Amino acid sequence: MNVAFSTVDFFYHLSLIVWLGGIIILSFIVAPIVFGNLPRKEAGGLQAQIFRRFYLFQFVAMLVLLVSAMARYQLWENPENPDELVVIRLILIFVMSILGVFQLNVVSKRLRILREEITSWEPGSEDPKRKAFGFWHKMSVKVTLLILLIGFGVLFLT
């Protein structure tokens, strides 16, 4: 048994589990329960707190994934003559990471600022910031789902 490879491989898979598992649990289990049981404003505030904490886990998982993927590649996956699927997997990991940084540094920050500035959360409110919030929320959902789908591709190619 190669202890070094097993260790790197463990952290590689653990980072994917934390990142992708967190997305699945928060998006498909926690969010529907929170929004189904609390008034919209309180549900949005609670969900925002939950995602803010998750984004820290996501960031750490992203760093661990990048380091472990590069270690796997450099030490065990023949960088002099790389397999096409290994290269595709690495590209997908980098794309996932770029999307994660975009979500953390752009999307979630804009959502947080808009959430604080919106004066009315009532349906039909004409607050223009609600429209902007809707745009960035849809962007967040799309980026999250894209990260999830790409992550499944990474798992498949691992």
Protein backbone atom coordinates (compact mmCIF):
# COMPACT_ATOMS: atom_id res chain seq x y z
CA MET A 1 0.00 0.00 0.00
CA ASN A 2 1.33 3.40 -0.98
CA VAL A 3 0.61 5.55 2.09
CA ALA A 4 1.44 8.82 0.31
CA PHE A 5 -0.96 8.10 -2.54
CA SER A 6 -3.67 6.90 -0.16
CA THR A 7 -3.34 10.10 1.87
CA VAL A 8 -3.50 12.38 -1.16
CA ASP A 9 -6.35 10.35 -2.63
CA PHE A 10 -8.25 10.52 0.68
CA PHE A 11 -8.05 14.34 0.79
CA TYR A 12 -8.90 14.56 -2.92
CA HIS A 13 -12.10 12.57 -2.44
CA LEU A 14 -12.92 14.18 0.91
CA SER A 15 -12.79 17.64 -0.67
CA LEU A 16 -15.19 16.53 -3.42
CA ILE A 17 -17.51 14.96 -0.84
CA VAL A 18 -17.60 18.13 1.27
CA TRP A 19 -18.08 20.45 -1.71
CA LEU A 20 -20.60 18.45 -3.72
CA GLY A 21 -22.35 16.92 -0.72
CA GLY A 22 -22.75 20.35 0.84
CA ILE A 23 -24.34 21.69 -2.34
CA ILE A 24 -26.76 18.76 -2.52
CA ILE A 25 -27.78 18.94 1.14
CA LEU A 26 -28.15 22.72 1.27
CA SER A 27 -29.86 23.14 -2.10
CA PHE A 28 -32.17 20.15 -2.17
CA ILE A 29 -32.87 19.47 1.52
CA VAL A 30 -32.18 22.51 3.73
CA ALA A 31 -33.44 25.31 1.45
CA PRO A 32 -36.87 23.77 0.75
CA ILE A 33 -37.39 23.07 4.46
CA VAL A 34 -36.31 26.56 5.52
CA PHE A 35 -38.44 28.32 2.90
CA GLY A 36 -41.37 25.98 3.55
CA ASN A 37 -41.48 26.71 7.28
CA LEU A 38 -40.46 30.35 7.74
CA PRO A 39 -41.70 33.67 6.37
CA ARG A 40 -39.80 34.66 3.21
CA LYS A 41 -37.61 37.37 4.79
CA GLU A 42 -36.57 35.22 7.76
CA ALA A 43 -36.02 32.18 5.54
CA GLY A 44 -33.82 34.21 3.20
CA GLY A 45 -31.81 35.58 6.11
CA LEU A 46 -31.30 32.14 7.63
CA GLN A 47 -30.41 30.58 4.29
CA ALA A 48 -27.91 33.40 3.66
CA GLN A 49 -26.21 32.69 7.01
CA ILE A 50 -26.06 28.98 6.23
CA PHE A 51 -24.57 29.57 2.79
CA ARG A 52 -22.04 32.09 4.13
CA ARG A 53 -20.69 29.39 6.42
CA PHE A 54 -20.82 26.79 3.68
CA TYR A 55 -18.83 29.03 1.33
CA LEU A 56 -15.95 28.88 3.82
CA PHE A 57 -16.07 25.07 3.71
CA GLN A 58 -16.35 25.29 -0.06
CA PHE A 59 -13.26 27.48 -0.25
CA VAL A 60 -11.20 25.12 1.91
CA ALA A 61 -12.47 22.11 -0.07
CA MET A 62 -11.54 23.90 -3.29
CA LEU A 63 -7.98 24.54 -2.08
CA VAL A 64 -7.59 20.93 -0.89
CA LEU A 65 -8.99 19.66 -4.19
CA LEU A 66 -6.60 21.79 -6.23
CA VAL A 67 -3.54 20.78 -4.19
CA SER A 68 -4.44 17.09 -4.07
CA ALA A 69 -5.35 16.97 -7.78
CA MET A 70 -2.04 18.55 -8.73
CA ALA A 71 -0.16 16.19 -6.39
CA ARG A 72 -1.91 13.18 -7.93
CA TYR A 73 -1.05 14.45 -11.38
CA GLN A 74 2.60 15.30 -10.68
CA LEU A 75 3.41 12.23 -8.62
CA TRP A 76 1.26 9.41 -10.02
CA GLU A 77 -0.42 10.34 -13.31
CA ASN A 78 2.55 10.63 -15.68
CA PRO A 79 2.73 14.36 -16.52
CA GLU A 80 5.27 13.67 -19.30
CA ASN A 81 2.67 11.72 -21.25
CA PRO A 82 -0.71 12.67 -19.75
CA ASP A 83 -3.86 10.74 -20.46
CA GLU A 84 -6.54 12.88 -22.15
CA LEU A 85 -9.13 12.09 -19.48
CA VAL A 86 -6.73 13.15 -16.71
CA VAL A 87 -6.18 16.49 -18.45
CA ILE A 88 -9.93 16.95 -18.92
CA ARG A 89 -10.46 16.17 -15.22
CA LEU A 90 -7.87 18.78 -14.22
CA ILE A 91 -9.45 21.38 -16.49
CA LEU A 92 -12.85 20.65 -14.94
CA ILE A 93 -11.37 21.07 -11.45
CA PHE A 94 -9.92 24.45 -12.42
CA VAL A 95 -13.25 25.54 -13.93
CA MET A 96 -15.06 24.42 -10.75
CA SER A 97 -12.60 26.44 -8.70
CA ILE A 98 -12.97 29.56 -10.83
CA LEU A 99 -16.75 29.30 -10.49
CA GLY A 100 -16.40 28.81 -6.73
CA VAL A 101 -14.24 31.93 -6.42
CA PHE A 102 -16.71 33.89 -8.57
CA GLN A 103 -19.59 32.71 -6.39
CA LEU A 104 -17.76 33.60 -3.19
CA ASN A 105 -16.29 36.94 -4.23
CA VAL A 106 -18.89 38.34 -6.60
CA VAL A 107 -22.29 36.67 -6.43
CA SER A 108 -22.62 36.13 -2.67
CA LYS A 109 -21.28 39.61 -1.89
CA ARG A 110 -23.78 41.27 -4.25
CA LEU A 111 -26.61 39.23 -2.78
CA ARG A 112 -25.60 40.19 0.75
CA ILE A 113 -25.45 43.90 -0.09
CA LEU A 114 -28.79 43.83 -1.92
CA ARG A 115 -30.45 41.83 0.87
CA GLU A 116 -29.49 44.57 3.34
CA GLU A 117 -30.72 47.36 1.05
CA ILE A 118 -34.11 45.93 0.10
CA THR A 119 -36.89 47.73 1.92
CA SER A 120 -39.81 45.36 1.21
CA TRP A 121 -39.87 41.61 0.67
CA GLU A 122 -43.62 41.52 0.06
CA PRO A 123 -44.70 39.91 -3.23
CA GLY A 124 -45.40 42.56 -5.85
CA SER A 125 -43.06 45.08 -4.25
CA GLU A 126 -41.71 47.56 -6.79
CA ASP A 127 -38.31 47.94 -5.09
CA PRO A 128 -35.80 47.92 -8.01
CA LYS A 129 -33.27 46.25 -5.77
CA ARG A 130 -35.55 43.21 -5.66
CA LYS A 131 -35.11 42.84 -9.42
CA ALA A 132 -31.34 43.02 -9.04
CA PHE A 133 -31.53 40.54 -6.17
CA GLY A 134 -33.59 38.19 -8.37
CA PHE A 135 -30.94 38.40 -11.10
CA TRP A 136 -28.07 37.61 -8.71
CA HIS A 137 -30.05 34.88 -6.98
CA LYS A 138 -30.67 33.18 -10.34
CA MET A 139 -26.97 33.59 -11.10
CA SER A 140 -26.14 31.93 -7.78
CA VAL A 141 -28.44 29.00 -8.53
CA LYS A 142 -26.97 28.56 -12.00
CA VAL A 143 -23.38 28.73 -10.76
CA THR A 144 -24.15 26.27 -7.96
CA LEU A 145 -25.76 23.79 -10.34
CA LEU A 146 -22.90 24.18 -12.82
CA ILE A 147 -20.36 23.48 -10.06
CA LEU A 148 -22.38 20.40 -9.08
CA LEU A 149 -22.59 19.06 -12.64
CA ILE A 150 -18.90 19.69 -13.28
CA GLY A 151 -18.12 18.02 -9.95
CA PHE A 152 -20.04 14.94 -11.06
CA GLY A 153 -17.91 14.95 -14.20
CA VAL A 154 -14.76 15.13 -12.08
CA LEU A 155 -15.96 12.19 -9.98
CA PHE A 156 -16.75 10.20 -13.10
CA LEU A 157 -13.27 10.84 -14.49
CA THR A 158 -11.51 10.01 -11.24
